[in-house]
PDB file of all heavy atoms in Angstrom:
ATOM      1  N   ARG A   1       0.858  -1.188   0.000  1.00  0.00           N
ATOM      2  CA  ARG A   1       0.000   0.000   0.000  1.00  0.00           C
ATOM      3  C   ARG A   1       0.889   1.230   0.000  1.00  0.00           C
ATOM      4  O   ARG A   1       1.651   1.462   0.934  1.00  0.00           O
ATOM      5  CB  ARG A   1      -0.913   0.008   1.223  1.00  0.00           C
ATOM      6  CG  ARG A   1      -1.846   1.233   1.271  1.00  0.00           C
ATOM      7  CD  ARG A   1      -2.679   1.265   2.534  1.00  0.00           C
ATOM      8  NE  ARG A   1      -3.602   0.146   2.600  1.00  0.00           N
ATOM      9  CZ  ARG A   1      -4.451  -0.045   3.621  1.00  0.00           C
ATOM     10  NH1 ARG A   1      -4.464   0.798   4.640  1.00  0.00           N
ATOM     11  NH2 ARG A   1      -5.275  -1.071   3.609  1.00  0.00           N
ATOM     12  N   VAL A   2       0.794   2.032  -1.039  1.00  0.00           N
ATOM     13  CA  VAL A   2       1.656   3.196  -1.169  1.00  0.00           C
ATOM     14  C   VAL A   2       1.274   4.253  -0.138  1.00  0.00           C
ATOM     15  O   VAL A   2       0.098   4.479   0.152  1.00  0.00           O
ATOM     16  CB  VAL A   2       1.584   3.771  -2.601  1.00  0.00           C
ATOM     17  CG1 VAL A   2       0.189   4.243  -2.960  1.00  0.00           C
ATOM     18  CG2 VAL A   2       2.604   4.900  -2.768  1.00  0.00           C
ATOM     19  N   THR A   3       2.276   4.891   0.439  1.00  0.00           N
ATOM     20  CA  THR A   3       2.101   6.000   1.374  1.00  0.00           C
ATOM     21  C   THR A   3       2.996   7.149   0.918  1.00  0.00           C
ATOM     22  O   THR A   3       3.899   6.948   0.093  1.00  0.00           O
ATOM     23  CB  THR A   3       2.491   5.591   2.804  1.00  0.00           C
ATOM     24  OG1 THR A   3       3.918   5.363   2.845  1.00  0.00           O
ATOM     25  CG2 THR A   3       1.758   4.331   3.238  1.00  0.00           C
ATOM     26  N   PRO A   4       2.779   8.350   1.451  1.00  0.00           N
ATOM     27  CA  PRO A   4       3.668   9.457   1.089  1.00  0.00           C
ATOM     28  C   PRO A   4       5.128   9.146   1.374  1.00  0.00           C
ATOM     29  O   PRO A   4       6.025   9.598   0.638  1.00  0.00           O
ATOM     30  CB  PRO A   4       3.158  10.611   1.956  1.00  0.00           C
ATOM     31  CG  PRO A   4       1.706  10.303   2.162  1.00  0.00           C
ATOM     32  CD  PRO A   4       1.631   8.809   2.280  1.00  0.00           C
ATOM     33  N   ASP A   5       5.402   8.389   2.407  1.00  0.00           N
ATOM     34  CA  ASP A   5       6.788   8.069   2.752  1.00  0.00           C
ATOM     35  C   ASP A   5       7.380   6.980   1.871  1.00  0.00           C
ATOM     36  O   ASP A   5       8.591   6.945   1.647  1.00  0.00           O
ATOM     37  CB  ASP A   5       6.883   7.624   4.224  1.00  0.00           C
ATOM     38  CG  ASP A   5       6.580   8.754   5.193  1.00  0.00           C
ATOM     39  OD1 ASP A   5       6.799   9.921   4.818  1.00  0.00           O
ATOM     40  OD2 ASP A   5       6.116   8.467   6.308  1.00  0.00           O
ATOM     41  N   SER A   6       6.529   6.066   1.385  1.00  0.00           N
ATOM     42  CA  SER A   6       7.057   4.919   0.632  1.00  0.00           C
ATOM     43  C   SER A   6       7.009   5.112  -0.872  1.00  0.00           C
ATOM     44  O   SER A   6       7.615   4.333  -1.617  1.00  0.00           O
ATOM     45  CB  SER A   6       6.261   3.656   0.985  1.00  0.00           C
ATOM     46  OG  SER A   6       4.945   3.715   0.453  1.00  0.00           O
ATOM     47  N   SER A   7       6.290   6.143  -1.360  1.00  0.00           N
ATOM     48  CA  SER A   7       6.040   6.294  -2.793  1.00  0.00           C
ATOM     49  C   SER A   7       7.348   6.440  -3.570  1.00  0.00           C
ATOM     50  O   SER A   7       8.094   7.407  -3.402  1.00  0.00           O
ATOM     51  CB  SER A   7       5.132   7.498  -3.041  1.00  0.00           C
ATOM     52  OG  SER A   7       4.727   7.537  -4.390  1.00  0.00           O
ATOM     53  N   ARG A   8       7.603   5.478  -4.431  1.00  0.00           N
ATOM     54  CA  ARG A   8       8.848   5.410  -5.192  1.00  0.00           C
ATOM     55  C   ARG A   8       8.623   5.937  -6.610  1.00  0.00           C
ATOM     56  O   ARG A   8       7.564   5.722  -7.215  1.00  0.00           O
ATOM     57  CB  ARG A   8       9.329   3.959  -5.239  1.00  0.00           C
ATOM     58  CG  ARG A   8      10.643   3.732  -5.965  1.00  0.00           C
ATOM     59  CD  ARG A   8      10.990   2.258  -5.977  1.00  0.00           C
ATOM     60  NE  ARG A   8      11.357   1.777  -4.658  1.00  0.00           N
ATOM     61  CZ  ARG A   8      12.601   1.763  -4.188  1.00  0.00           C
ATOM     62  NH1 ARG A   8      13.592   2.215  -4.945  1.00  0.00           N
ATOM     63  NH2 ARG A   8      12.851   1.311  -2.974  1.00  0.00           N
ATOM     64  N   THR A   9       9.608   6.620  -7.146  1.00  0.00           N
ATOM     65  CA  THR A   9       9.514   7.136  -8.512  1.00  0.00           C
ATOM     66  C   THR A   9       9.698   6.008  -9.518  1.00  0.00           C
ATOM     67  O   THR A   9      10.569   5.142  -9.354  1.00  0.00           O
ATOM     68  CB  THR A   9      10.584   8.215  -8.752  1.00  0.00           C
ATOM     69  OG1 THR A   9      10.367   9.291  -7.832  1.00  0.00           O
ATOM     70  CG2 THR A   9      10.519   8.749 -10.180  1.00  0.00           C
ATOM     71  N   LEU A  10       8.855   6.002 -10.559  1.00  0.00           N
ATOM     72  CA  LEU A  10       9.005   5.045 -11.650  1.00  0.00           C
ATOM     73  C   LEU A  10      10.188   5.491 -12.503  1.00  0.00           C
ATOM     74  O   LEU A  10      10.247   6.645 -12.958  1.00  0.00           O
ATOM     75  CB  LEU A  10       7.741   4.988 -12.501  1.00  0.00           C
ATOM     76  CG  LEU A  10       6.574   4.138 -11.982  1.00  0.00           C
ATOM     77  CD1 LEU A  10       6.030   4.657 -10.664  1.00  0.00           C
ATOM     78  CD2 LEU A  10       5.463   4.083 -13.018  1.00  0.00           C
ATOM     79  N   GLU A  11      11.128   4.596 -12.718  1.00  0.00           N
ATOM     80  CA  GLU A  11      12.358   4.934 -13.420  1.00  0.00           C
ATOM     81  C   GLU A  11      12.621   3.954 -14.554  1.00  0.00           C
ATOM     82  O   GLU A  11      12.109   2.831 -14.543  1.00  0.00           O
ATOM     83  CB  GLU A  11      13.539   4.925 -12.438  1.00  0.00           C
ATOM     84  CG  GLU A  11      13.404   5.927 -11.305  1.00  0.00           C
ATOM     85  CD  GLU A  11      14.504   5.778 -10.269  1.00  0.00           C
ATOM     86  OE1 GLU A  11      15.270   4.795 -10.367  1.00  0.00           O
ATOM     87  OE2 GLU A  11      14.586   6.623  -9.361  1.00  0.00           O
ATOM     88  N   PRO A  12      13.427   4.349 -15.534  1.00  0.00           N
ATOM     89  CA  PRO A  12      13.782   3.431 -16.626  1.00  0.00           C
ATOM     90  C   PRO A  12      14.405   2.146 -16.100  1.00  0.00           C
ATOM     91  O   PRO A  12      15.087   2.134 -15.072  1.00  0.00           O
ATOM     92  CB  PRO A  12      14.775   4.250 -17.453  1.00  0.00           C
ATOM     93  CG  PRO A  12      14.423   5.675 -17.167  1.00  0.00           C
ATOM     94  CD  PRO A  12      13.977   5.698 -15.732  1.00  0.00           C
ATOM     95  N   ASP A  13      14.138   1.061 -16.840  1.00  0.00           N
ATOM     96  CA  ASP A  13      14.661  -0.272 -16.515  1.00  0.00           C
ATOM     97  C   ASP A  13      14.138  -0.765 -15.166  1.00  0.00           C
ATOM     98  O   ASP A  13      14.860  -1.415 -14.401  1.00  0.00           O
ATOM     99  CB  ASP A  13      16.190  -0.282 -16.538  1.00  0.00           C
ATOM    100  CG  ASP A  13      16.749   0.123 -17.893  1.00  0.00           C
ATOM    101  OD1 ASP A  13      16.053  -0.093 -18.905  1.00  0.00           O
ATOM    102  OD2 ASP A  13      17.857   0.665 -17.943  1.00  0.00           O
ATOM    103  N   MET A  14      12.892  -0.462 -14.908  1.00  0.00           N
ATOM    104  CA  MET A  14      12.236  -0.884 -13.671  1.00  0.00           C
ATOM    105  C   MET A  14      10.918  -1.566 -14.028  1.00  0.00           C
ATOM    106  O   MET A  14      10.247  -1.177 -14.982  1.00  0.00           O
ATOM    107  CB  MET A  14      11.979   0.338 -12.789  1.00  0.00           C
ATOM    108  CG  MET A  14      11.217   0.071 -11.504  1.00  0.00           C
ATOM    109  SD  MET A  14      10.917   1.610 -10.567  1.00  0.00           S
ATOM    110  CE  MET A  14      12.532   1.873  -9.814  1.00  0.00           C
ATOM    111  N   LEU A  15      10.545  -2.596 -13.274  1.00  0.00           N
ATOM    112  CA  LEU A  15       9.222  -3.182 -13.434  1.00  0.00           C
ATOM    113  C   LEU A  15       8.239  -2.451 -12.516  1.00  0.00           C
ATOM    114  O   LEU A  15       8.569  -2.106 -11.386  1.00  0.00           O
ATOM    115  CB  LEU A  15       9.227  -4.674 -13.087  1.00  0.00           C
ATOM    116  CG  LEU A  15      10.039  -5.610 -13.982  1.00  0.00           C
ATOM    117  CD1 LEU A  15       9.724  -7.068 -13.657  1.00  0.00           C
ATOM    118  CD2 LEU A  15       9.800  -5.331 -15.447  1.00  0.00           C
ATOM    119  N   TYR A  16       7.040  -2.250 -13.021  1.00  0.00           N
ATOM    120  CA  TYR A  16       5.990  -1.582 -12.264  1.00  0.00           C
ATOM    121  C   TYR A  16       4.776  -2.503 -12.221  1.00  0.00           C
ATOM    122  O   TYR A  16       4.266  -2.933 -13.262  1.00  0.00           O
ATOM    123  CB  TYR A  16       5.621  -0.253 -12.917  1.00  0.00           C
ATOM    124  CG  TYR A  16       4.407   0.436 -12.327  1.00  0.00           C
ATOM    125  CD1 TYR A  16       4.389   0.841 -10.998  1.00  0.00           C
ATOM    126  CD2 TYR A  16       3.284   0.679 -13.107  1.00  0.00           C
ATOM    127  CE1 TYR A  16       3.275   1.466 -10.457  1.00  0.00           C
ATOM    128  CE2 TYR A  16       2.164   1.311 -12.583  1.00  0.00           C
ATOM    129  CZ  TYR A  16       2.164   1.704 -11.256  1.00  0.00           C
ATOM    130  OH  TYR A  16       1.053   2.318 -10.719  1.00  0.00           O
ATOM    131  N   LEU A  17       4.317  -2.840 -11.017  1.00  0.00           N
ATOM    132  CA  LEU A  17       3.155  -3.710 -10.830  1.00  0.00           C
ATOM    133  C   LEU A  17       1.995  -2.864 -10.323  1.00  0.00           C
ATOM    134  O   LEU A  17       2.129  -2.167  -9.311  1.00  0.00           O
ATOM    135  CB  LEU A  17       3.497  -4.823  -9.837  1.00  0.00           C
ATOM    136  CG  LEU A  17       2.454  -5.912  -9.585  1.00  0.00           C
ATOM    137  CD1 LEU A  17       3.138  -7.208  -9.134  1.00  0.00           C
ATOM    138  CD2 LEU A  17       1.421  -5.505  -8.539  1.00  0.00           C
ATOM    139  N   VAL A  18       0.864  -2.947 -11.012  1.00  0.00           N
ATOM    140  CA  VAL A  18      -0.319  -2.206 -10.579  1.00  0.00           C
ATOM    141  C   VAL A  18      -1.507  -3.167 -10.516  1.00  0.00           C
ATOM    142  O   VAL A  18      -1.912  -3.761 -11.511  1.00  0.00           O
ATOM    143  CB  VAL A  18      -0.603  -0.993 -11.496  1.00  0.00           C
ATOM    144  CG1 VAL A  18      -0.759  -1.393 -12.960  1.00  0.00           C
ATOM    145  CG2 VAL A  18      -1.821  -0.213 -11.001  1.00  0.00           C
ATOM    146  N   ASP A  19      -2.033  -3.334  -9.305  1.00  0.00           N
ATOM    147  CA  ASP A  19      -3.172  -4.206  -9.025  1.00  0.00           C
ATOM    148  C   ASP A  19      -4.296  -3.304  -8.534  1.00  0.00           C
ATOM    149  O   ASP A  19      -4.153  -2.619  -7.514  1.00  0.00           O
ATOM    150  CB  ASP A  19      -2.760  -5.225  -7.956  1.00  0.00           C
ATOM    151  CG  ASP A  19      -3.846  -6.259  -7.652  1.00  0.00           C
ATOM    152  OD1 ASP A  19      -4.993  -6.064  -8.076  1.00  0.00           O
ATOM    153  OD2 ASP A  19      -3.534  -7.248  -6.963  1.00  0.00           O
ATOM    154  N   SER A  20      -5.407  -3.292  -9.253  1.00  0.00           N
ATOM    155  CA  SER A  20      -6.460  -2.324  -8.950  1.00  0.00           C
ATOM    156  C   SER A  20      -7.810  -2.891  -9.369  1.00  0.00           C
ATOM    157  O   SER A  20      -7.899  -3.928 -10.024  1.00  0.00           O
ATOM    158  CB  SER A  20      -6.198  -1.007  -9.689  1.00  0.00           C
ATOM    159  OG  SER A  20      -6.332  -1.210 -11.104  1.00  0.00           O
ATOM    160  N   GLY A  21      -8.857  -2.202  -8.980  1.00  0.00           N
ATOM    161  CA  GLY A  21     -10.186  -2.637  -9.370  1.00  0.00           C
ATOM    162  C   GLY A  21     -11.211  -1.550  -9.132  1.00  0.00           C
ATOM    163  O   GLY A  21     -10.945  -0.552  -8.457  1.00  0.00           O
ATOM    164  N   GLY A  22     -12.392  -1.759  -9.691  1.00  0.00           N
ATOM    165  CA  GLY A  22     -13.464  -0.784  -9.565  1.00  0.00           C
ATOM    166  C   GLY A  22     -14.749  -1.410  -9.061  1.00  0.00           C
ATOM    167  O   GLY A  22     -15.016  -2.591  -9.291  1.00  0.00           O
ATOM    168  N   GLN A  23     -15.518  -0.606  -8.346  1.00  0.00           N
ATOM    169  CA  GLN A  23     -16.871  -0.978  -7.944  1.00  0.00           C
ATOM    170  C   GLN A  23     -17.841  -0.205  -8.838  1.00  0.00           C
ATOM    171  O   GLN A  23     -17.938   1.018  -8.765  1.00  0.00           O
ATOM    172  CB  GLN A  23     -17.120  -0.638  -6.474  1.00  0.00           C
ATOM    173  CG  GLN A  23     -16.379  -1.481  -5.470  1.00  0.00           C
ATOM    174  CD  GLN A  23     -16.970  -2.882  -5.336  1.00  0.00           C
ATOM    175  OE1 GLN A  23     -17.829  -3.287  -6.117  1.00  0.00           O
ATOM    176  NE2 GLN A  23     -16.497  -3.618  -4.343  1.00  0.00           N
ATOM    177  N   TYR A  24     -18.534  -0.947  -9.694  1.00  0.00           N
ATOM    178  CA  TYR A  24     -19.550  -0.386 -10.573  1.00  0.00           C
ATOM    179  C   TYR A  24     -20.910  -0.941 -10.141  1.00  0.00           C
ATOM    180  O   TYR A  24     -20.990  -2.044  -9.587  1.00  0.00           O
ATOM    181  CB  TYR A  24     -19.274  -0.764 -12.029  1.00  0.00           C
ATOM    182  CG  TYR A  24     -17.947  -0.270 -12.549  1.00  0.00           C
ATOM    183  CD1 TYR A  24     -16.773  -0.991 -12.332  1.00  0.00           C
ATOM    184  CD2 TYR A  24     -17.860   0.916 -13.279  1.00  0.00           C
ATOM    185  CE1 TYR A  24     -15.551  -0.536 -12.808  1.00  0.00           C
ATOM    186  CE2 TYR A  24     -16.640   1.372 -13.767  1.00  0.00           C
ATOM    187  CZ  TYR A  24     -15.485   0.651 -13.525  1.00  0.00           C
ATOM    188  OH  TYR A  24     -14.278   1.095 -13.999  1.00  0.00           O
ATOM    189  N   LEU A  25     -21.968  -0.207 -10.392  1.00  0.00           N
ATOM    190  CA  LEU A  25     -23.288  -0.680  -9.999  1.00  0.00           C
ATOM    191  C   LEU A  25     -23.615  -2.042 -10.579  1.00  0.00           C
ATOM    192  O   LEU A  25     -24.384  -2.807 -10.000  1.00  0.00           O
ATOM    193  CB  LEU A  25     -24.360   0.327 -10.431  1.00  0.00           C
ATOM    194  CG  LEU A  25     -24.479   1.604  -9.608  1.00  0.00           C
ATOM    195  CD1 LEU A  25     -25.550   2.522 -10.206  1.00  0.00           C
ATOM    196  CD2 LEU A  25     -24.829   1.284  -8.153  1.00  0.00           C
ATOM    197  N   ASP A  26     -23.024  -2.370 -11.727  1.00  0.00           N
ATOM    198  CA  ASP A  26     -23.335  -3.642 -12.368  1.00  0.00           C
ATOM    199  C   ASP A  26     -22.225  -4.680 -12.237  1.00  0.00           C
ATOM    200  O   ASP A  26     -22.314  -5.756 -12.828  1.00  0.00           O
ATOM    201  CB  ASP A  26     -23.675  -3.434 -13.847  1.00  0.00           C
ATOM    202  CG  ASP A  26     -22.628  -2.628 -14.601  1.00  0.00           C
ATOM    203  OD1 ASP A  26     -21.680  -2.124 -13.963  1.00  0.00           O
ATOM    204  OD2 ASP A  26     -22.764  -2.493 -15.835  1.00  0.00           O
TER     205      ASP A  26
END
């Protein structure tokens, strides 16, 4: 869970993992 203290800059030659989701009425 990203926090202001832990937030890392995305840089070249780096892997970035993003796990997310949405709540929609349907």
